[in-house]
């Protein structure tokens, strides 16, 4: 046949393991990258991957006691379990939803497990006062801007003249105070 003629002429070479893609749940055998695949590339080049080598998706965590278990074709089902909201750390401007503590995190744990902190729970820094009507508004990642306004009666609202600067720690001092204050 033409194929045997081509092979006999040295126009073809053996396919190597590094050219083979192992199936899900398996991995290339270390050190066999330059080995001839042979007639059964999967058996020659691949071995079962262990759960300890699998990264669980967001909202899931490794199952206990399965690190040495073969991943199989569905590593997520074999190696991972849903994580609970009680195991998630909310972003700084949010707080855990207590009622959801025993709920599965899902793939969006920040949304499922956390809610925005409210302005009413934020203490505005010196020189600022709470913005009226914003008590139930979300603090966001910049709570001072979201929840507070400059207190016009304090030095923080004053712009110093050219060539001068505000005194250290004067932001909360009443305007009109003496230099000593």
C-alpha atoms as a PDB file:
ATOM      1  CA  UNK A   1       0.000   0.000   0.000  1.00  0.00           C
ATOM      2  CA  UNK A   2       0.977   3.613  -0.314  1.00  0.00           C
ATOM      3  CA  UNK A   3       1.151   4.042   3.487  1.00  0.00           C
ATOM      4  CA  UNK A   4       3.617   1.208   3.919  1.00  0.00           C
ATOM      5  CA  UNK A   5       5.627   2.612   1.048  1.00  0.00           C
ATOM      6  CA  UNK A   6       5.723   6.081   2.704  1.00  0.00           C
ATOM      7  CA  UNK A   7       6.623   4.565   6.086  1.00  0.00           C
ATOM      8  CA  UNK A   8       9.292   2.489   4.481  1.00  0.00           C
ATOM      9  CA  UNK A   9      10.849   5.567   2.911  1.00  0.00           C
ATOM     10  CA  UNK A  10      11.377   7.265   6.297  1.00  0.00           C
ATOM     11  CA  UNK A  11       8.967  10.123   5.678  1.00  0.00           C
ATOM     12  CA  UNK A  12       7.104   9.549   8.936  1.00  0.00           C
ATOM     13  CA  UNK A  13       8.233   9.410  12.515  1.00  0.00           C
ATOM     14  CA  UNK A  14       6.724   8.205  15.749  1.00  0.00           C
ATOM     15  CA  UNK A  15       4.353  10.551  17.555  1.00  0.00           C
ATOM     16  CA  UNK A  16       5.613  11.405  21.027  1.00  0.00           C
ATOM     17  CA  UNK A  17       3.706  11.590  24.291  1.00  0.00           C
ATOM     18  CA  UNK A  18       4.203  15.375  24.506  1.00  0.00           C
ATOM     19  CA  UNK A  19       2.023  15.613  21.369  1.00  0.00           C
ATOM     20  CA  UNK A  20      -0.861  13.710  23.008  1.00  0.00           C
ATOM     21  CA  UNK A  21      -3.620  15.396  25.004  1.00  0.00           C
ATOM     22  CA  UNK A  22      -4.638  13.303  27.978  1.00  0.00           C
ATOM     23  CA  UNK A  23      -8.347  12.946  28.762  1.00  0.00           C
ATOM     24  CA  UNK A  24     -10.106  14.757  31.642  1.00  0.00           C
ATOM     25  CA  UNK A  25      -9.081  13.339  34.986  1.00  0.00           C
ATOM     26  CA  UNK A  26      -5.721  12.153  33.652  1.00  0.00           C
ATOM     27  CA  UNK A  27      -2.349  13.808  33.191  1.00  0.00           C
ATOM     28  CA  UNK A  28       0.827  13.246  31.257  1.00  0.00           C
ATOM     29  CA  UNK A  29       3.221  10.852  32.987  1.00  0.00           C
ATOM     30  CA  UNK A  30       6.235  12.859  34.129  1.00  0.00           C
ATOM     31  CA  UNK A  31       9.389  12.019  32.213  1.00  0.00           C
ATOM     32  CA  UNK A  32       7.571  10.395  29.264  1.00  0.00           C
ATOM     33  CA  UNK A  33       7.264  13.517  27.122  1.00  0.00           C
ATOM     34  CA  UNK A  34       9.702  12.181  24.485  1.00  0.00           C
ATOM     35  CA  UNK A  35       8.409   8.579  24.569  1.00  0.00           C
ATOM     36  CA  UNK A  36       6.825   7.038  21.459  1.00  0.00           C
ATOM     37  CA  UNK A  37       3.021   6.995  21.902  1.00  0.00           C
ATOM     38  CA  UNK A  38       2.713   3.551  20.397  1.00  0.00           C
ATOM     39  CA  UNK A  39      -0.702   2.086  19.528  1.00  0.00           C
ATOM     40  CA  UNK A  40      -2.363   3.184  22.791  1.00  0.00           C
ATOM     41  CA  UNK A  41      -1.301   6.744  23.576  1.00  0.00           C
ATOM     42  CA  UNK A  42      -3.594   7.021  26.610  1.00  0.00           C
ATOM     43  CA  UNK A  43      -2.049   3.965  28.259  1.00  0.00           C
ATOM     44  CA  UNK A  44       1.513   4.858  27.287  1.00  0.00           C
ATOM     45  CA  UNK A  45       1.471   8.580  28.037  1.00  0.00           C
ATOM     46  CA  UNK A  46      -1.233   9.248  30.642  1.00  0.00           C
ATOM     47  CA  UNK A  47      -2.020   8.325  34.227  1.00  0.00           C
ATOM     48  CA  UNK A  48      -4.851   9.152  36.593  1.00  0.00           C
ATOM     49  CA  UNK A  49      -4.617  12.585  38.192  1.00  0.00           C
ATOM     50  CA  UNK A  50      -5.303  12.783  41.935  1.00  0.00           C
ATOM     51  CA  UNK A  51      -7.790  15.095  43.622  1.00  0.00           C
ATOM     52  CA  UNK A  52      -4.889  16.868  45.318  1.00  0.00           C
ATOM     53  CA  UNK A  53      -3.936  18.160  41.845  1.00  0.00           C
ATOM     54  CA  UNK A  54      -7.407  19.566  41.075  1.00  0.00           C
ATOM     55  CA  UNK A  55      -8.416  23.184  41.745  1.00  0.00           C
ATOM     56  CA  UNK A  56     -12.029  23.387  42.872  1.00  0.00           C
ATOM     57  CA  UNK A  57     -14.197  26.109  41.329  1.00  0.00           C
ATOM     58  CA  UNK A  58     -15.340  29.251  43.136  1.00  0.00           C
ATOM     59  CA  UNK A  59     -18.004  28.377  45.684  1.00  0.00           C
ATOM     60  CA  UNK A  60     -16.634  24.865  46.202  1.00  0.00           C
ATOM     61  CA  UNK A  61     -13.826  23.403  48.291  1.00  0.00           C
ATOM     62  CA  UNK A  62     -11.880  20.123  48.337  1.00  0.00           C
ATOM     63  CA  UNK A  63     -13.724  17.196  49.874  1.00  0.00           C
ATOM     64  CA  UNK A  64     -12.159  15.827  53.029  1.00  0.00           C
ATOM     65  CA  UNK A  65     -10.177  12.609  52.695  1.00  0.00           C
ATOM     66  CA  UNK A  66     -10.027  12.387  48.896  1.00  0.00           C
ATOM     67  CA  UNK A  67      -6.643  13.967  48.102  1.00  0.00           C
ATOM     68  CA  UNK A  68      -5.239  10.583  46.904  1.00  0.00           C
ATOM     69  CA  UNK A  69      -8.399   9.629  45.002  1.00  0.00           C
ATOM     70  CA  UNK A  70      -8.305   9.482  41.178  1.00  0.00           C
ATOM     71  CA  UNK A  71     -10.113  12.456  39.645  1.00  0.00           C
ATOM     72  CA  UNK A  72     -11.924  10.389  36.967  1.00  0.00           C
ATOM     73  CA  UNK A  73     -13.639  12.146  34.065  1.00  0.00           C
ATOM     74  CA  UNK A  74     -15.582  14.465  36.420  1.00  0.00           C
ATOM     75  CA  UNK A  75     -13.060  15.840  38.918  1.00  0.00           C
ATOM     76  CA  UNK A  76     -15.452  18.488  40.266  1.00  0.00           C
ATOM     77  CA  UNK A  77     -17.930  15.810  41.388  1.00  0.00           C
ATOM     78  CA  UNK A  78     -15.280  13.458  42.765  1.00  0.00           C
ATOM     79  CA  UNK A  79     -12.953  15.984  44.426  1.00  0.00           C
ATOM     80  CA  UNK A  80     -15.070  18.994  45.427  1.00  0.00           C
ATOM     81  CA  UNK A  81     -18.053  19.850  47.589  1.00  0.00           C
ATOM     82  CA  UNK A  82     -20.061  23.057  47.909  1.00  0.00           C
ATOM     83  CA  UNK A  83     -18.644  25.505  50.450  1.00  0.00           C
ATOM     84  CA  UNK A  84     -21.010  27.189  52.904  1.00  0.00           C
ATOM     85  CA  UNK A  85     -21.455  30.943  53.233  1.00  0.00           C
ATOM     86  CA  UNK A  86     -20.158  30.714  56.804  1.00  0.00           C
ATOM     87  CA  UNK A  87     -16.758  29.789  55.287  1.00  0.00           C
ATOM     88  CA  UNK A  88     -16.579  32.875  53.049  1.00  0.00           C
ATOM     89  CA  UNK A  89     -14.864  36.145  53.964  1.00  0.00           C
ATOM     90  CA  UNK A  90     -16.903  39.119  52.779  1.00  0.00           C
ATOM     91  CA  UNK A  91     -15.277  42.199  51.243  1.00  0.00           C
ATOM     92  CA  UNK A  92     -14.496  45.053  53.646  1.00  0.00           C
ATOM     93  CA  UNK A  93     -17.536  47.158  52.734  1.00  0.00           C
ATOM     94  CA  UNK A  94     -19.924  44.228  53.186  1.00  0.00           C
ATOM     95  CA  UNK A  95     -21.037  41.993  56.008  1.00  0.00           C
ATOM     96  CA  UNK A  96     -22.154  38.359  56.181  1.00  0.00           C
ATOM     97  CA  UNK A  97     -25.840  37.599  55.750  1.00  0.00           C
ATOM     98  CA  UNK A  98     -26.446  35.648  58.941  1.00  0.00           C
ATOM     99  CA  UNK A  99     -29.531  33.897  57.549  1.00  0.00           C
ATOM    100  CA  UNK A 100     -27.438  32.473  54.684  1.00  0.00           C
ATOM    101  CA  UNK A 101     -24.630  30.998  56.832  1.00  0.00           C
ATOM    102  CA  UNK A 102     -25.650  27.389  56.041  1.00  0.00           C
ATOM    103  CA  UNK A 103     -26.387  28.063  52.359  1.00  0.00           C
ATOM    104  CA  UNK A 104     -24.068  26.883  49.568  1.00  0.00           C
ATOM    105  CA  UNK A 105     -21.872  29.709  48.284  1.00  0.00           C
ATOM    106  CA  UNK A 106     -22.604  29.136  44.560  1.00  0.00           C
ATOM    107  CA  UNK A 107     -20.280  30.624  41.948  1.00  0.00           C
ATOM    108  CA  UNK A 108     -20.887  34.174  43.242  1.00  0.00           C
ATOM    109  CA  UNK A 109     -20.296  33.966  46.999  1.00  0.00           C
ATOM    110  CA  UNK A 110     -19.942  37.738  47.494  1.00  0.00           C
ATOM    111  CA  UNK A 111     -23.508  38.153  46.214  1.00  0.00           C
ATOM    112  CA  UNK A 112     -24.980  35.045  47.867  1.00  0.00           C
ATOM    113  CA  UNK A 113     -23.331  35.381  51.284  1.00  0.00           C
ATOM    114  CA  UNK A 114     -22.791  39.106  51.847  1.00  0.00           C
ATOM    115  CA  UNK A 115     -24.718  42.351  51.870  1.00  0.00           C
ATOM    116  CA  UNK A 116     -23.599  45.958  51.803  1.00  0.00           C
ATOM    117  CA  UNK A 117     -22.892  47.655  55.113  1.00  0.00           C
ATOM    118  CA  UNK A 118     -25.176  50.666  55.561  1.00  0.00           C
ATOM    119  CA  UNK A 119     -24.101  54.259  56.074  1.00  0.00           C
ATOM    120  CA  UNK A 120     -25.882  54.318  59.433  1.00  0.00           C
ATOM    121  CA  UNK A 121     -23.209  51.889  60.688  1.00  0.00           C
ATOM    122  CA  UNK A 122     -20.268  54.032  59.513  1.00  0.00           C
ATOM    123  CA  UNK A 123     -18.533  56.586  61.725  1.00  0.00           C
ATOM    124  CA  UNK A 124     -17.512  59.529  59.543  1.00  0.00           C
ATOM    125  CA  UNK A 125     -13.936  60.678  60.111  1.00  0.00           C
ATOM    126  CA  UNK A 126     -13.013  63.906  61.860  1.00  0.00           C
ATOM    127  CA  UNK A 127     -14.139  66.929  59.859  1.00  0.00           C
ATOM    128  CA  UNK A 128     -17.065  65.121  58.244  1.00  0.00           C
ATOM    129  CA  UNK A 129     -20.674  64.612  59.217  1.00  0.00           C
ATOM    130  CA  UNK A 130     -23.204  61.986  58.167  1.00  0.00           C
ATOM    131  CA  UNK A 131     -25.027  62.882  54.958  1.00  0.00           C
ATOM    132  CA  UNK A 132     -28.712  63.364  55.754  1.00  0.00           C
ATOM    133  CA  UNK A 133     -30.937  60.800  54.076  1.00  0.00           C
ATOM    134  CA  UNK A 134     -28.114  58.336  53.363  1.00  0.00           C
ATOM    135  CA  UNK A 135     -28.593  56.161  56.468  1.00  0.00           C
ATOM    136  CA  UNK A 136     -29.771  53.123  54.447  1.00  0.00           C
ATOM    137  CA  UNK A 137     -27.405  53.697  51.519  1.00  0.00           C
ATOM    138  CA  UNK A 138     -24.556  51.232  50.887  1.00  0.00           C
ATOM    139  CA  UNK A 139     -21.157  52.215  52.243  1.00  0.00           C
ATOM    140  CA  UNK A 140     -19.434  51.033  49.031  1.00  0.00           C
ATOM    141  CA  UNK A 141     -15.653  50.748  48.836  1.00  0.00           C
ATOM    142  CA  UNK A 142     -15.351  54.466  49.736  1.00  0.00           C
ATOM    143  CA  UNK A 143     -17.691  54.961  52.698  1.00  0.00           C
ATOM    144  CA  UNK A 144     -16.506  58.512  53.453  1.00  0.00           C
ATOM    145  CA  UNK A 145     -17.638  59.671  50.000  1.00  0.00           C
ATOM    146  CA  UNK A 146     -20.825  57.564  50.048  1.00  0.00           C
ATOM    147  CA  UNK A 147     -21.953  58.405  53.568  1.00  0.00           C
ATOM    148  CA  UNK A 148     -20.365  61.659  54.685  1.00  0.00           C
ATOM    149  CA  UNK A 149     -20.099  65.327  53.760  1.00  0.00           C
ATOM    150  CA  UNK A 150     -17.506  67.814  54.869  1.00  0.00           C
ATOM    151  CA  UNK A 151     -18.701  69.530  58.037  1.00  0.00           C
ATOM    152  CA  UNK A 152     -18.722  73.209  57.012  1.00  0.00           C
ATOM    153  CA  UNK A 153     -18.249  74.253  60.616  1.00  0.00           C
ATOM    154  CA  UNK A 154     -14.903  72.429  60.825  1.00  0.00           C
ATOM    155  CA  UNK A 155     -11.477  73.316  59.500  1.00  0.00           C
ATOM    156  CA  UNK A 156     -11.600  70.379  57.052  1.00  0.00           C
ATOM    157  CA  UNK A 157     -13.884  72.480  54.843  1.00  0.00           C
ATOM    158  CA  UNK A 158     -11.457  75.407  54.763  1.00  0.00           C
ATOM    159  CA  UNK A 159      -9.047  76.039  51.888  1.00  0.00           C
ATOM    160  CA  UNK A 160      -5.817  77.597  53.094  1.00  0.00           C
ATOM    161  CA  UNK A 161      -4.313  80.568  51.237  1.00  0.00           C
ATOM    162  CA  UNK A 162      -1.453  80.077  48.796  1.00  0.00           C
ATOM    163  CA  UNK A 163       1.782  79.382  50.597  1.00  0.00           C
ATOM    164  CA  UNK A 164       0.028  78.047  53.723  1.00  0.00           C
ATOM    165  CA  UNK A 165      -1.250  74.659  54.768  1.00  0.00           C
ATOM    166  CA  UNK A 166      -3.660  73.213  57.291  1.00  0.00           C
ATOM    167  CA  UNK A 167      -2.225  72.507  60.704  1.00  0.00           C
ATOM    168  CA  UNK A 168      -1.721  68.854  61.564  1.00  0.00           C
ATOM    169  CA  UNK A 169      -4.814  67.271  63.133  1.00  0.00           C
ATOM    170  CA  UNK A 170      -6.922  70.415  62.574  1.00  0.00           C
ATOM    171  CA  UNK A 171      -9.644  68.862  60.405  1.00  0.00           C
ATOM    172  CA  UNK A 172     -12.081  68.471  63.295  1.00  0.00           C
ATOM    173  CA  UNK A 173     -11.374  71.816  64.907  1.00  0.00           C
ATOM    174  CA  UNK A 174     -14.172  74.429  64.789  1.00  0.00           C
ATOM    175  CA  UNK A 175     -13.630  77.258  62.321  1.00  0.00           C
ATOM    176  CA  UNK A 176     -12.830  80.475  64.148  1.00  0.00           C
ATOM    177  CA  UNK A 177     -10.853  78.669  66.831  1.00  0.00           C
ATOM    178  CA  UNK A 178      -7.748  80.322  68.135  1.00  0.00           C
ATOM    179  CA  UNK A 179      -4.326  79.140  66.945  1.00  0.00           C
ATOM    180  CA  UNK A 180      -3.929  77.304  70.255  1.00  0.00           C
ATOM    181  CA  UNK A 181      -7.059  75.255  69.563  1.00  0.00           C
END
